[in-house]
Amino acid sequence: MQEYLSTFVSSIFMENMIFAYFLGMCSFLAVSKNVKTAMGLGLAVMFVLTVTVPINYLLENYLLKQGALAWLGEEFDSVNLNFLSFIIFIAVIASFTQLVEMIVEKFTPALYNSLGIFLPLIAVNCAIMGGSLFMQQKNFPDAGMATIYGLGSGIGWLLAIVGIAAIREKLQYSDIPKPLKGLGIAFIITALMGFGFMSFSGIKI
C-alpha cells in the first residue's frame, strides 16, 4: 500500500507532466484562459490517462515485449513485438479520445464548443503518450500500479491547468504590463513553477 501511495503522490507532484516534464504544453497554454474550460479539458485528459496507461501496460506485458506471448506456448518465448509499441499505444489513446469526444459533444455541447480542436487533439497530446512511455520505463509490477500512476499523472495535469487558468483569470484585472498579459504571464508562471518542481524532484536544470 505504501508503494501505491508513493507512486500516486509522486506522479501528481514530483513527476508532474507539466511542471516537471513540460508535456502537453500546447493545449495547456491554449485552453488555460478560464477555469471552466481548463477543468473540462483537465478531466478529459485525466480520464484518458487513467484508462489508457493500464490498458497499454497489459498490452505491453502480455503481447508486445519479448517473451510476453509465452502464455501461448514455448515456441513463442522469443517473439518480440516491442517495435509495435508506439502504434498500439497511439491506437488505444485515439480510441478512448474519440469516446470522450462523443460523450462531451452529447452531454455538454457548450464545453465541446469551448474546447474546439483541443479535445480531439488529446489523441496526440504528448502528456498522455508520455504516461504510457514512462510506464514502460518504470516497469511496474502490476496493472494496479500502472492505473495509480495514470490517475496521478492525470490529476497532476488537471491541477496544473486549472491552477494556471485561475491565475490568468485573476491577472486579467491586475496592473501587470499589457504585453505580459495572456500567454506572456502564462509562460513566466509556468517556467517559474517548473523550476520549483525540478528542484523539488531532484531533476537537474
N, C-alpha and C. Protein backbone atom coordinates (compact mmCIF):
# COMPACT_ATOMS: atom_id res chain seq x y z
N MET A 1 0.83 -1.21 0.00
CA MET A 1 0.00 0.00 0.00
C MET A 1 0.87 1.26 0.00
N GLN A 2 1.97 1.23 0.73
CA GLN A 2 2.85 2.40 0.78
C GLN A 2 3.45 2.70 -0.59
N GLU A 3 3.77 1.64 -1.33
CA GLU A 3 4.34 1.82 -2.67
C GLU A 3 3.32 2.45 -3.61
N TYR A 4 2.05 2.04 -3.48
CA TYR A 4 0.99 2.62 -4.29
C TYR A 4 0.82 4.10 -3.98
N LEU A 5 0.82 4.42 -2.68
CA LEU A 5 0.65 5.81 -2.26
C LEU A 5 1.83 6.66 -2.72
N SER A 6 3.02 6.12 -2.63
CA SER A 6 4.21 6.84 -3.06
C SER A 6 4.17 7.14 -4.56
N THR A 7 3.77 6.15 -5.34
CA THR A 7 3.65 6.33 -6.79
C THR A 7 2.58 7.37 -7.12
N PHE A 8 1.47 7.33 -6.41
CA PHE A 8 0.36 8.27 -6.63
C PHE A 8 0.79 9.70 -6.36
N VAL A 9 1.38 9.93 -5.20
CA VAL A 9 1.80 11.29 -4.82
C VAL A 9 2.92 11.79 -5.73
N SER A 10 3.86 10.91 -6.04
CA SER A 10 4.98 11.29 -6.89
C SER A 10 4.52 11.69 -8.28
N SER A 11 3.56 10.95 -8.84
CA SER A 11 3.09 11.25 -10.19
C SER A 11 2.31 12.57 -10.25
N ILE A 12 1.72 12.98 -9.14
CA ILE A 12 1.00 14.25 -9.10
C ILE A 12 1.95 15.42 -8.97
N PHE A 13 2.89 15.32 -8.05
CA PHE A 13 3.71 16.46 -7.71
C PHE A 13 5.15 16.38 -8.24
N MET A 14 5.91 15.42 -7.80
CA MET A 14 7.33 15.37 -8.16
C MET A 14 7.56 15.06 -9.63
N GLU A 15 6.65 14.31 -10.25
CA GLU A 15 6.78 13.97 -11.66
C GLU A 15 5.62 14.55 -12.45
N ASN A 16 5.21 15.74 -12.08
CA ASN A 16 4.09 16.41 -12.75
C ASN A 16 4.37 16.56 -14.24
N MET A 17 3.42 16.15 -15.07
CA MET A 17 3.61 16.16 -16.52
C MET A 17 3.91 17.55 -17.08
N ILE A 18 3.31 18.56 -16.48
CA ILE A 18 3.51 19.94 -16.94
C ILE A 18 4.76 20.55 -16.34
N PHE A 19 4.84 20.60 -15.04
CA PHE A 19 5.88 21.38 -14.37
C PHE A 19 7.22 20.65 -14.26
N ALA A 20 7.20 19.33 -14.30
CA ALA A 20 8.46 18.58 -14.23
C ALA A 20 8.99 18.20 -15.61
N TYR A 21 8.06 17.90 -16.56
CA TYR A 21 8.48 17.42 -17.88
C TYR A 21 8.02 18.31 -19.03
N PHE A 22 7.14 19.29 -18.75
CA PHE A 22 6.63 20.21 -19.78
C PHE A 22 5.99 19.46 -20.94
N LEU A 23 5.19 18.45 -20.63
CA LEU A 23 4.48 17.69 -21.65
C LEU A 23 3.03 18.17 -21.75
N GLY A 24 2.53 18.27 -22.97
CA GLY A 24 1.17 18.74 -23.19
C GLY A 24 1.04 20.24 -23.12
N MET A 25 2.12 20.96 -23.47
CA MET A 25 2.13 22.42 -23.30
C MET A 25 1.22 23.15 -24.28
N CYS A 26 1.03 22.60 -25.47
CA CYS A 26 0.22 23.31 -26.48
C CYS A 26 -1.21 23.53 -25.97
N SER A 27 -1.88 22.44 -25.63
CA SER A 27 -3.25 22.57 -25.11
C SER A 27 -3.27 23.23 -23.75
N PHE A 28 -2.23 23.02 -22.96
CA PHE A 28 -2.14 23.65 -21.64
C PHE A 28 -2.19 25.17 -21.75
N LEU A 29 -1.40 25.73 -22.64
CA LEU A 29 -1.35 27.19 -22.79
C LEU A 29 -2.58 27.73 -23.50
N ALA A 30 -3.08 26.97 -24.47
CA ALA A 30 -4.20 27.48 -25.27
C ALA A 30 -5.53 27.46 -24.53
N VAL A 31 -5.73 26.46 -23.66
CA VAL A 31 -7.03 26.28 -23.02
C VAL A 31 -7.08 26.87 -21.62
N SER A 32 -5.95 27.27 -21.08
CA SER A 32 -5.92 27.76 -19.69
C SER A 32 -6.28 29.24 -19.58
N LYS A 33 -7.25 29.69 -20.38
CA LYS A 33 -7.68 31.08 -20.31
C LYS A 33 -8.75 31.28 -19.25
N ASN A 34 -9.55 30.25 -18.98
CA ASN A 34 -10.54 30.34 -17.91
C ASN A 34 -10.67 28.98 -17.23
N VAL A 35 -11.10 29.02 -15.99
CA VAL A 35 -11.10 27.81 -15.15
C VAL A 35 -12.08 26.76 -15.66
N LYS A 36 -13.25 27.19 -16.13
CA LYS A 36 -14.28 26.23 -16.54
C LYS A 36 -13.80 25.37 -17.71
N THR A 37 -13.25 26.01 -18.72
CA THR A 37 -12.77 25.26 -19.89
C THR A 37 -11.56 24.40 -19.51
N ALA A 38 -10.67 24.97 -18.69
CA ALA A 38 -9.49 24.22 -18.26
C ALA A 38 -9.88 22.99 -17.46
N MET A 39 -10.90 23.12 -16.63
CA MET A 39 -11.38 21.98 -15.85
C MET A 39 -11.91 20.88 -16.77
N GLY A 40 -12.65 21.27 -17.80
CA GLY A 40 -13.20 20.30 -18.74
C GLY A 40 -12.11 19.51 -19.45
N LEU A 41 -11.11 20.21 -19.98
CA LEU A 41 -10.03 19.53 -20.67
C LEU A 41 -9.19 18.70 -19.70
N GLY A 42 -8.98 19.25 -18.50
CA GLY A 42 -8.20 18.53 -17.49
C GLY A 42 -8.84 17.22 -17.10
N LEU A 43 -10.16 17.22 -16.95
CA LEU A 43 -10.88 15.98 -16.60
C LEU A 43 -10.81 14.98 -17.75
N ALA A 44 -10.89 15.48 -18.98
CA ALA A 44 -10.79 14.59 -20.14
C ALA A 44 -9.41 13.94 -20.21
N VAL A 45 -8.37 14.74 -20.00
CA VAL A 45 -7.01 14.21 -20.01
C VAL A 45 -6.81 13.20 -18.88
N MET A 46 -7.35 13.52 -17.70
CA MET A 46 -7.23 12.62 -16.56
C MET A 46 -7.90 11.28 -16.85
N PHE A 47 -9.08 11.32 -17.44
CA PHE A 47 -9.79 10.08 -17.77
C PHE A 47 -9.00 9.24 -18.76
N VAL A 48 -8.53 9.87 -19.84
CA VAL A 48 -7.80 9.13 -20.87
C VAL A 48 -6.51 8.54 -20.30
N LEU A 49 -5.79 9.30 -19.48
CA LEU A 49 -4.57 8.77 -18.86
C LEU A 49 -4.88 7.59 -17.94
N THR A 50 -5.91 7.75 -17.12
CA THR A 50 -6.24 6.70 -16.15
C THR A 50 -6.62 5.40 -16.83
N VAL A 51 -7.28 5.48 -17.98
CA VAL A 51 -7.74 4.28 -18.66
C VAL A 51 -6.66 3.69 -19.57
N THR A 52 -5.95 4.55 -20.30
CA THR A 52 -5.03 4.03 -21.32
C THR A 52 -3.72 3.50 -20.75
N VAL A 53 -3.22 4.07 -19.66
CA VAL A 53 -1.96 3.59 -19.10
C VAL A 53 -2.05 2.13 -18.66
N PRO A 54 -3.07 1.73 -17.89
CA PRO A 54 -3.14 0.30 -17.52
C PRO A 54 -3.45 -0.62 -18.70
N ILE A 55 -4.24 -0.14 -19.67
CA ILE A 55 -4.51 -0.97 -20.85
C ILE A 55 -3.22 -1.19 -21.63
N ASN A 56 -2.45 -0.12 -21.81
CA ASN A 56 -1.18 -0.25 -22.52
C ASN A 56 -0.18 -1.08 -21.72
N TYR A 57 -0.30 -1.05 -20.39
CA TYR A 57 0.54 -1.91 -19.56
C TYR A 57 0.25 -3.38 -19.84
N LEU A 58 -1.03 -3.72 -19.91
CA LEU A 58 -1.41 -5.11 -20.18
C LEU A 58 -0.97 -5.55 -21.57
N LEU A 59 -1.13 -4.64 -22.55
CA LEU A 59 -0.69 -4.96 -23.91
C LEU A 59 0.82 -5.13 -23.96
N GLU A 60 1.53 -4.28 -23.23
CA GLU A 60 2.99 -4.35 -23.19
C GLU A 60 3.47 -5.68 -22.60
N ASN A 61 2.83 -6.09 -21.51
CA ASN A 61 3.32 -7.26 -20.78
C ASN A 61 2.76 -8.60 -21.26
N TYR A 62 1.64 -8.57 -22.00
CA TYR A 62 1.05 -9.82 -22.44
C TYR A 62 0.98 -9.95 -23.96
N LEU A 63 1.56 -8.96 -24.67
CA LEU A 63 1.53 -9.03 -26.12
C LEU A 63 2.81 -8.53 -26.79
N LEU A 64 3.36 -7.42 -26.30
CA LEU A 64 4.38 -6.72 -27.07
C LEU A 64 5.83 -7.06 -26.72
N LYS A 65 6.18 -7.04 -25.45
CA LYS A 65 7.60 -7.19 -25.12
C LYS A 65 8.07 -8.63 -25.31
N GLN A 66 9.38 -8.78 -25.38
CA GLN A 66 9.95 -10.11 -25.64
C GLN A 66 9.53 -11.10 -24.55
N GLY A 67 9.02 -12.23 -24.99
CA GLY A 67 8.56 -13.26 -24.05
C GLY A 67 7.15 -13.06 -23.57
N ALA A 68 6.49 -11.95 -23.98
CA ALA A 68 5.14 -11.67 -23.49
C ALA A 68 4.13 -12.69 -23.99
N LEU A 69 4.42 -13.32 -25.12
CA LEU A 69 3.49 -14.30 -25.68
C LEU A 69 3.76 -15.72 -25.21
N ALA A 70 4.55 -15.86 -24.16
CA ALA A 70 4.89 -17.19 -23.65
C ALA A 70 3.65 -17.96 -23.21
N TRP A 71 2.59 -17.23 -22.86
CA TRP A 71 1.36 -17.90 -22.44
C TRP A 71 0.70 -18.68 -23.58
N LEU A 72 1.14 -18.43 -24.83
CA LEU A 72 0.61 -19.16 -25.98
C LEU A 72 1.35 -20.48 -26.21
N GLY A 73 2.52 -20.60 -25.59
CA GLY A 73 3.32 -21.82 -25.77
C GLY A 73 4.80 -21.50 -25.80
N GLU A 74 5.62 -22.52 -25.60
CA GLU A 74 7.06 -22.32 -25.53
C GLU A 74 7.65 -21.77 -26.83
N GLU A 75 7.03 -22.09 -27.95
CA GLU A 75 7.56 -21.64 -29.23
C GLU A 75 7.45 -20.13 -29.42
N PHE A 76 6.67 -19.46 -28.56
CA PHE A 76 6.50 -18.02 -28.65
C PHE A 76 7.38 -17.25 -27.67
N ASP A 77 8.25 -17.96 -26.94
CA ASP A 77 9.09 -17.32 -25.92
C ASP A 77 9.99 -16.23 -26.50
N SER A 78 10.47 -16.43 -27.69
CA SER A 78 11.43 -15.49 -28.27
C SER A 78 10.78 -14.39 -29.11
N VAL A 79 9.47 -14.40 -29.24
CA VAL A 79 8.78 -13.39 -30.05
C VAL A 79 8.85 -12.03 -29.36
N ASN A 80 9.24 -11.01 -30.12
CA ASN A 80 9.36 -9.65 -29.59
C ASN A 80 8.62 -8.70 -30.52
N LEU A 81 7.49 -8.18 -30.06
CA LEU A 81 6.69 -7.24 -30.85
C LEU A 81 6.82 -5.81 -30.33
N ASN A 82 7.90 -5.55 -29.60
CA ASN A 82 8.06 -4.24 -28.98
C ASN A 82 8.12 -3.10 -29.99
N PHE A 83 8.50 -3.40 -31.23
CA PHE A 83 8.57 -2.36 -32.25
C PHE A 83 7.19 -1.81 -32.61
N LEU A 84 6.13 -2.51 -32.18
CA LEU A 84 4.77 -2.06 -32.43
C LEU A 84 4.21 -1.20 -31.29
N SER A 85 5.01 -0.94 -30.26
CA SER A 85 4.52 -0.25 -29.07
C SER A 85 3.89 1.10 -29.40
N PHE A 86 4.61 1.94 -30.16
CA PHE A 86 4.11 3.27 -30.47
C PHE A 86 2.76 3.19 -31.18
N ILE A 87 2.66 2.32 -32.17
CA ILE A 87 1.42 2.22 -32.95
C ILE A 87 0.27 1.75 -32.07
N ILE A 88 0.52 0.72 -31.29
CA ILE A 88 -0.53 0.17 -30.43
C ILE A 88 -0.95 1.19 -29.37
N PHE A 89 0.00 1.83 -28.73
CA PHE A 89 -0.31 2.82 -27.69
C PHE A 89 -1.15 3.96 -28.26
N ILE A 90 -0.74 4.47 -29.41
CA ILE A 90 -1.48 5.58 -30.03
C ILE A 90 -2.89 5.14 -30.43
N ALA A 91 -3.03 3.91 -30.93
CA ALA A 91 -4.35 3.41 -31.30
C ALA A 91 -5.28 3.35 -30.09
N VAL A 92 -4.76 2.87 -28.97
CA VAL A 92 -5.56 2.81 -27.74
C VAL A 92 -5.95 4.21 -27.28
N ILE A 93 -4.99 5.13 -27.28
CA ILE A 93 -5.25 6.51 -26.85
C ILE A 93 -6.27 7.18 -27.76
N ALA A 94 -6.10 6.99 -29.07
CA ALA A 94 -7.03 7.61 -30.03
C ALA A 94 -8.45 7.07 -29.86
N SER A 95 -8.57 5.78 -29.56
CA SER A 95 -9.89 5.17 -29.38
C SER A 95 -10.63 5.79 -28.20
N PHE A 96 -9.94 5.93 -27.08
CA PHE A 96 -10.59 6.50 -25.90
C PHE A 96 -10.79 8.01 -26.03
N THR A 97 -9.91 8.67 -26.78
CA THR A 97 -10.13 10.09 -27.05
C THR A 97 -11.40 10.29 -27.86
N GLN A 98 -11.61 9.43 -28.84
CA GLN A 98 -12.84 9.51 -29.64
C GLN A 98 -14.07 9.28 -28.77
N LEU A 99 -13.96 8.34 -27.83
CA LEU A 99 -15.07 8.08 -26.92
C LEU A 99 -15.37 9.31 -26.06
N VAL A 100 -14.32 9.93 -25.52
CA VAL A 100 -14.50 11.13 -24.70
C VAL A 100 -15.13 12.24 -25.53
N GLU A 101 -14.66 12.42 -26.76
CA GLU A 101 -15.20 13.47 -27.62
C GLU A 101 -16.69 13.26 -27.87
N MET A 102 -17.09 12.04 -28.11
CA MET A 102 -18.50 11.75 -28.36
C MET A 102 -19.35 12.02 -27.12
N ILE A 103 -18.83 11.66 -25.95
CA ILE A 103 -19.57 11.87 -24.70
C ILE A 103 -19.71 13.36 -24.40
N VAL A 104 -18.61 14.10 -24.54
CA VAL A 104 -18.65 15.54 -24.27
C VAL A 104 -19.59 16.25 -25.24
N GLU A 105 -19.53 15.88 -26.52
CA GLU A 105 -20.40 16.50 -27.52
C GLU A 105 -21.86 16.22 -27.24
N LYS A 106 -22.15 15.01 -26.74
CA LYS A 106 -23.53 14.60 -26.47
C LYS A 106 -24.12 15.29 -25.25
N PHE A 107 -23.34 15.34 -24.15
CA PHE A 107 -23.90 15.79 -22.88
C PHE A 107 -23.53 17.22 -22.51
N THR A 108 -22.42 17.74 -22.99
CA THR A 108 -22.04 19.13 -22.69
C THR A 108 -21.57 19.83 -23.96
N PRO A 109 -22.50 20.14 -24.86
CA PRO A 109 -22.12 20.78 -26.13
C PRO A 109 -21.43 22.12 -25.96
N ALA A 110 -21.77 22.86 -24.90
CA ALA A 110 -21.12 24.15 -24.68
C ALA A 110 -19.63 23.97 -24.41
N LEU A 111 -19.29 22.99 -23.58
CA LEU A 111 -17.89 22.70 -23.30
C LEU A 111 -17.20 22.17 -24.55
N TYR A 112 -17.92 21.35 -25.31
CA TYR A 112 -17.36 20.81 -26.56
C TYR A 112 -16.97 21.94 -27.51
N ASN A 113 -17.83 22.94 -27.62
CA ASN A 113 -17.55 24.08 -28.50
C ASN A 113 -16.42 24.94 -27.95
N SER A 114 -16.33 25.04 -26.62
CA SER A 114 -15.26 25.84 -26.00
C SER A 114 -13.89 25.21 -26.21
N LEU A 115 -13.84 23.90 -26.12
CA LEU A 115 -12.56 23.21 -26.27
C LEU A 115 -12.10 23.16 -27.72
N GLY A 116 -13.05 23.14 -28.65
CA GLY A 116 -12.70 23.16 -30.06
C GLY A 116 -11.80 22.00 -30.46
N ILE A 117 -10.77 22.32 -31.23
CA ILE A 117 -9.88 21.29 -31.77
C ILE A 117 -9.04 20.62 -30.70
N PHE A 118 -8.93 21.25 -29.52
CA PHE A 118 -8.04 20.70 -28.50
C PHE A 118 -8.58 19.44 -27.83
N LEU A 119 -9.88 19.19 -27.95
CA LEU A 119 -10.43 17.95 -27.41
C LEU A 119 -10.00 16.73 -28.24
N PRO A 120 -10.22 16.71 -29.55
CA PRO A 120 -9.71 15.57 -30.33
C PRO A 120 -8.18 15.48 -30.35
N LEU A 121 -7.51 16.61 -30.12
CA LEU A 121 -6.05 16.60 -30.11
C LEU A 121 -5.47 15.91 -28.88
N ILE A 122 -6.35 15.50 -27.94
CA ILE A 122 -5.87 14.70 -26.81
C ILE A 122 -5.18 13.45 -27.33
N ALA A 123 -5.63 12.98 -28.51
CA ALA A 123 -5.06 11.75 -29.09
C ALA A 123 -3.57 11.89 -29.35
N VAL A 124 -3.11 13.11 -29.61
CA VAL A 124 -1.68 13.32 -29.88
C VAL A 124 -1.04 14.18 -28.78
N ASN A 125 -1.71 14.27 -27.64
CA ASN A 125 -1.15 15.02 -26.51
C ASN A 125 0.05 14.25 -25.96
N CYS A 126 1.21 14.88 -25.97
CA CYS A 126 2.43 14.18 -25.56
C CYS A 126 2.42 13.81 -24.09
N ALA A 127 1.60 14.47 -23.27
CA ALA A 127 1.50 14.09 -21.86
C ALA A 127 0.87 12.71 -21.73
N ILE A 128 -0.12 12.41 -22.56
CA ILE A 128 -0.80 11.12 -22.48
C ILE A 128 0.09 10.02 -23.05
N MET A 129 0.72 10.29 -24.17
CA MET A 129 1.66 9.32 -24.72
C MET A 129 2.83 9.13 -23.75
N GLY A 130 3.24 10.24 -23.13
CA GLY A 130 4.33 10.16 -22.16
C GLY A 130 3.98 9.26 -21.00
N GLY A 131 2.71 9.27 -20.57
CA GLY A 131 2.30 8.39 -19.48
C GLY A 131 2.55 6.93 -19.79
N SER A 132 2.22 6.51 -21.01
CA SER A 132 2.44 5.11 -21.40
C SER A 132 3.92 4.80 -21.59
N LEU A 133 4.68 5.76 -22.12
CA LEU A 133 6.11 5.53 -22.32
C LEU A 133 6.86 5.49 -20.98
N PHE A 134 6.47 6.36 -20.04
CA PHE A 134 7.07 6.31 -18.71
C PHE A 134 6.71 5.00 -18.02
N MET A 135 5.48 4.53 -18.27
CA MET A 135 5.06 3.24 -17.71
C MET A 135 6.00 2.12 -18.18
N GLN A 136 6.39 2.17 -19.45
CA GLN A 136 7.33 1.19 -19.97
C GLN A 136 8.66 1.24 -19.22
N GLN A 137 9.17 2.46 -19.01
CA GLN A 137 10.46 2.63 -18.36
C GLN A 137 10.43 2.18 -16.90
N LYS A 138 9.33 2.46 -16.23
CA LYS A 138 9.25 2.19 -14.79
C LYS A 138 9.05 0.71 -14.47
N ASN A 139 8.56 -0.04 -15.46
CA ASN A 139 8.42 -1.49 -15.26
C ASN A 139 7.61 -1.81 -14.00
N PHE A 140 6.40 -1.31 -13.93
CA PHE A 140 5.54 -1.52 -12.77
C PHE A 140 5.26 -3.01 -12.55
N PRO A 141 5.08 -3.42 -11.30
CA PRO A 141 4.88 -4.85 -11.00
C PRO A 141 3.51 -5.38 -11.41
N ASP A 142 2.50 -4.50 -11.51
CA ASP A 142 1.16 -4.97 -11.86
C ASP A 142 0.35 -3.83 -12.48
N ALA A 143 -0.82 -4.20 -13.01
CA ALA A 143 -1.69 -3.22 -13.67
C ALA A 143 -2.25 -2.21 -12.68
N GLY A 144 -2.39 -2.63 -11.42
CA GLY A 144 -2.89 -1.71 -10.40
C GLY A 144 -1.96 -0.53 -10.21
N MET A 145 -0.67 -0.80 -10.17
CA MET A 145 0.31 0.27 -10.03
C MET A 145 0.29 1.19 -11.25
N ALA A 146 0.12 0.60 -12.44
CA ALA A 146 0.04 1.39 -13.65
C ALA A 146 -1.20 2.29 -13.63
N THR A 147 -2.30 1.77 -13.11
CA THR A 147 -3.53 2.56 -13.00
C THR A 147 -3.35 3.73 -12.05
N ILE A 148 -2.71 3.47 -10.91
CA ILE A 148 -2.44 4.54 -9.94
C ILE A 148 -1.56 5.60 -10.56
N TYR A 149 -0.56 5.17 -11.33
CA TYR A 149 0.34 6.12 -11.98
C TYR A 149 -0.42 6.97 -13.02
N GLY A 150 -1.28 6.32 -13.81
CA GLY A 150 -2.06 7.05 -14.80
C GLY A 150 -3.01 8.04 -14.15
N LEU A 151 -3.67 7.63 -13.08
CA LEU A 151 -4.58 8.52 -12.36
C LEU A 151 -3.83 9.71 -11.76
N GLY A 152 -2.71 9.43 -11.11
CA GLY A 152 -1.93 10.51 -10.50
C GLY A 152 -1.41 11.49 -11.54
N SER A 153 -0.94 10.96 -12.68
CA SER A 153 -0.45 11.84 -13.74
C SER A 153 -1.57 12.71 -14.28
N GLY A 154 -2.77 12.13 -14.40
CA GLY A 154 -3.91 12.91 -14.88
C GLY A 154 -4.32 13.98 -13.89
N ILE A 155 -4.32 13.64 -12.61
CA ILE A 155 -4.66 14.64 -11.59
C ILE A 155 -3.63 15.76 -11.58
N GLY A 156 -2.35 15.39 -11.73
CA GLY A 156 -1.31 16.41 -11.78
C GLY A 156 -1.50 17.37 -12.94
N TRP A 157 -1.84 16.84 -14.11
CA TRP A 157 -2.08 17.69 -15.28
C TRP A 157 -3.31 18.56 -15.07
N LEU A 158 -4.35 17.98 -14.47
CA LEU A 158 -5.57 18.74 -14.17
C LEU A 158 -5.29 19.88 -13.21
N LEU A 159 -4.57 19.60 -12.13
CA LEU A 159 -4.26 20.65 -11.15
C LEU A 159 -3.42 21.76 -11.78
N ALA A 160 -2.50 21.37 -12.67
CA ALA A 160 -1.63 22.36 -13.30
C ALA A 160 -2.42 23.30 -14.19
N ILE A 161 -3.28 22.76 -15.05
CA ILE A 161 -4.00 23.62 -16.00
C ILE A 161 -5.06 24.46 -15.29
N VAL A 162 -5.73 23.89 -14.27
CA VAL A 162 -6.73 24.66 -13.53
C VAL A 162 -6.05 25.75 -12.71
N GLY A 163 -4.90 25.43 -12.12
CA GLY A 163 -4.17 26.43 -11.34
C GLY A 163 -3.72 27.61 -12.18
N ILE A 164 -3.15 27.32 -13.34
CA ILE A 164 -2.71 28.40 -14.23
C ILE A 164 -3.91 29.19 -14.75
N ALA A 165 -5.02 28.51 -15.06
CA ALA A 165 -6.21 29.20 -15.53
C ALA A 165 -6.75 30.16 -14.48
N ALA A 166 -6.74 29.73 -13.22
CA ALA A 166 -7.20 30.60 -12.13
C ALA A 166 -6.32 31.83 -12.00
N ILE A 167 -5.01 31.63 -12.12
CA ILE A 167 -4.08 32.75 -12.03
C ILE A 167 -4.28 33.71 -13.20
N ARG A 168 -4.44 33.17 -14.40
CA ARG A 168 -4.62 34.02 -15.58
C ARG A 168 -5.92 34.81 -15.51
N GLU A 169 -6.97 34.20 -14.95
CA GLU A 169 -8.23 34.92 -14.80
C GLU A 169 -8.07 36.11 -13.86
N LYS A 170 -7.38 35.89 -12.76
CA LYS A 170 -7.18 36.97 -11.78
C LYS A 170 -6.29 38.07 -12.34
N LEU A 171 -5.26 37.68 -13.09
CA LEU A 171 -4.30 38.66 -13.59
C LEU A 171 -4.86 39.53 -14.70
N GLN A 172 -6.01 39.15 -15.24
CA GLN A 172 -6.64 39.99 -16.26
C GLN A 172 -7.00 41.37 -15.71
N TYR A 173 -7.24 41.41 -14.40
CA TYR A 173 -7.66 42.66 -13.77
C TYR A 173 -6.56 43.29 -12.93
N SER A 174 -5.33 42.82 -13.12
CA SER A 174 -4.20 43.36 -12.35
C SER A 174 -3.50 44.45 -13.14
N ASP A 175 -2.48 45.02 -12.53
CA ASP A 175 -1.74 46.13 -13.15
C ASP A 175 -0.48 45.69 -13.86
N ILE A 176 -0.37 44.43 -14.22
CA ILE A 176 0.82 43.99 -14.92
C ILE A 176 0.86 44.61 -16.31
N PRO A 177 2.05 44.82 -16.88
CA PRO A 177 2.15 45.43 -18.21
C PRO A 177 1.33 44.67 -19.25
N LYS A 178 0.73 45.39 -20.15
CA LYS A 178 -0.15 44.79 -21.15
C LYS A 178 0.52 43.70 -21.98
N PRO A 179 1.80 43.87 -22.41
CA PRO A 179 2.44 42.81 -23.21
C PRO A 179 2.57 41.48 -22.47
N LEU A 180 2.55 41.53 -21.14
CA LEU A 180 2.72 40.29 -20.36
C LEU A 180 1.41 39.57 -20.10
N LYS A 181 0.28 40.23 -20.38
CA LYS A 181 -1.00 39.58 -20.12
C LYS A 181 -1.22 38.44 -21.12
N GLY A 182 -2.03 37.47 -20.73
CA GLY A 182 -2.30 36.35 -21.61
C GLY A 182 -1.18 35.34 -21.60
N LEU A 183 -0.68 35.00 -22.79
CA LEU A 183 0.34 33.97 -22.90
C LEU A 183 1.64 34.38 -22.24
N GLY A 184 1.95 35.68 -22.25
CA GLY A 184 3.21 36.14 -21.66
C GLY A 184 3.33 35.74 -20.20
N ILE A 185 2.34 36.09 -19.41
CA ILE A 185 2.38 35.78 -17.98
C ILE A 185 2.24 34.27 -17.76
N ALA A 186 1.51 33.58 -18.65
CA ALA A 186 1.36 32.13 -18.52
C ALA A 186 2.71 31.44 -18.70
N PHE A 187 3.51 31.89 -19.67
CA PHE A 187 4.84 31.33 -19.88
C PHE A 187 5.72 31.58 -18.66
N ILE A 188 5.68 32.79 -18.13
CA ILE A 188 6.54 33.14 -16.99
C ILE A 188 6.18 32.31 -15.76
N ILE A 189 4.89 32.23 -15.44
CA ILE A 189 4.46 31.49 -14.26
C ILE A 189 4.77 30.00 -14.41
N THR A 190 4.51 29.46 -15.61
CA THR A 190 4.78 28.04 -15.85
C THR A 190 6.27 27.74 -15.71
N ALA A 191 7.11 28.63 -16.24
CA ALA A 191 8.55 28.43 -16.14
C ALA A 191 9.01 28.47 -14.69
N LEU A 192 8.52 29.45 -13.93
CA LEU A 192 8.91 29.57 -12.53
C LEU A 192 8.47 28.36 -11.71
N MET A 193 7.23 27.92 -11.96
CA MET A 193 6.74 26.74 -11.24
C MET A 193 7.50 25.49 -11.68
N GLY A 194 7.87 25.45 -12.97
CA GLY A 194 8.66 24.33 -13.46
C GLY A 194 10.01 24.24 -12.78
N PHE A 195 10.67 25.40 -12.60
CA PHE A 195 11.95 25.41 -11.89
C PHE A 195 11.78 24.89 -10.47
N GLY A 196 10.68 25.31 -9.84
CA GLY A 196 10.41 24.86 -8.48
C GLY A 196 10.20 23.36 -8.41
N PHE A 197 9.43 22.81 -9.34
CA PHE A 197 9.17 21.37 -9.37
C PHE A 197 10.44 20.60 -9.68
N MET A 198 11.26 21.14 -10.58
CA MET A 198 12.51 20.45 -10.92
C MET A 198 13.44 20.35 -9.73
N SER A 199 13.57 21.44 -8.98
CA SER A 199 14.44 21.42 -7.81
C SER A 199 13.87 20.53 -6.72
N PHE A 200 12.53 20.53 -6.60
CA PHE A 200 11.88 19.72 -5.58
C PHE A 200 12.01 18.23 -5.88
N SER A 201 11.95 17.88 -7.18
CA SER A 201 12.00 16.47 -7.54
C SER A 201 13.39 15.95 -7.79
N GLY A 202 14.38 16.86 -7.75
CA GLY A 202 15.75 16.45 -7.93
C GLY A 202 16.21 16.40 -9.36
N ILE A 203 15.36 16.86 -10.32
CA ILE A 203 15.76 16.89 -11.72
C ILE A 203 16.74 18.02 -11.94
N LYS A 204 17.87 17.74 -12.58
CA LYS A 204 18.87 18.75 -12.81
C LYS A 204 18.45 19.70 -13.92
N ILE A 205 18.60 20.99 -13.68
CA ILE A 205 18.22 22.01 -14.66
C ILE A 205 19.43 22.28 -15.55
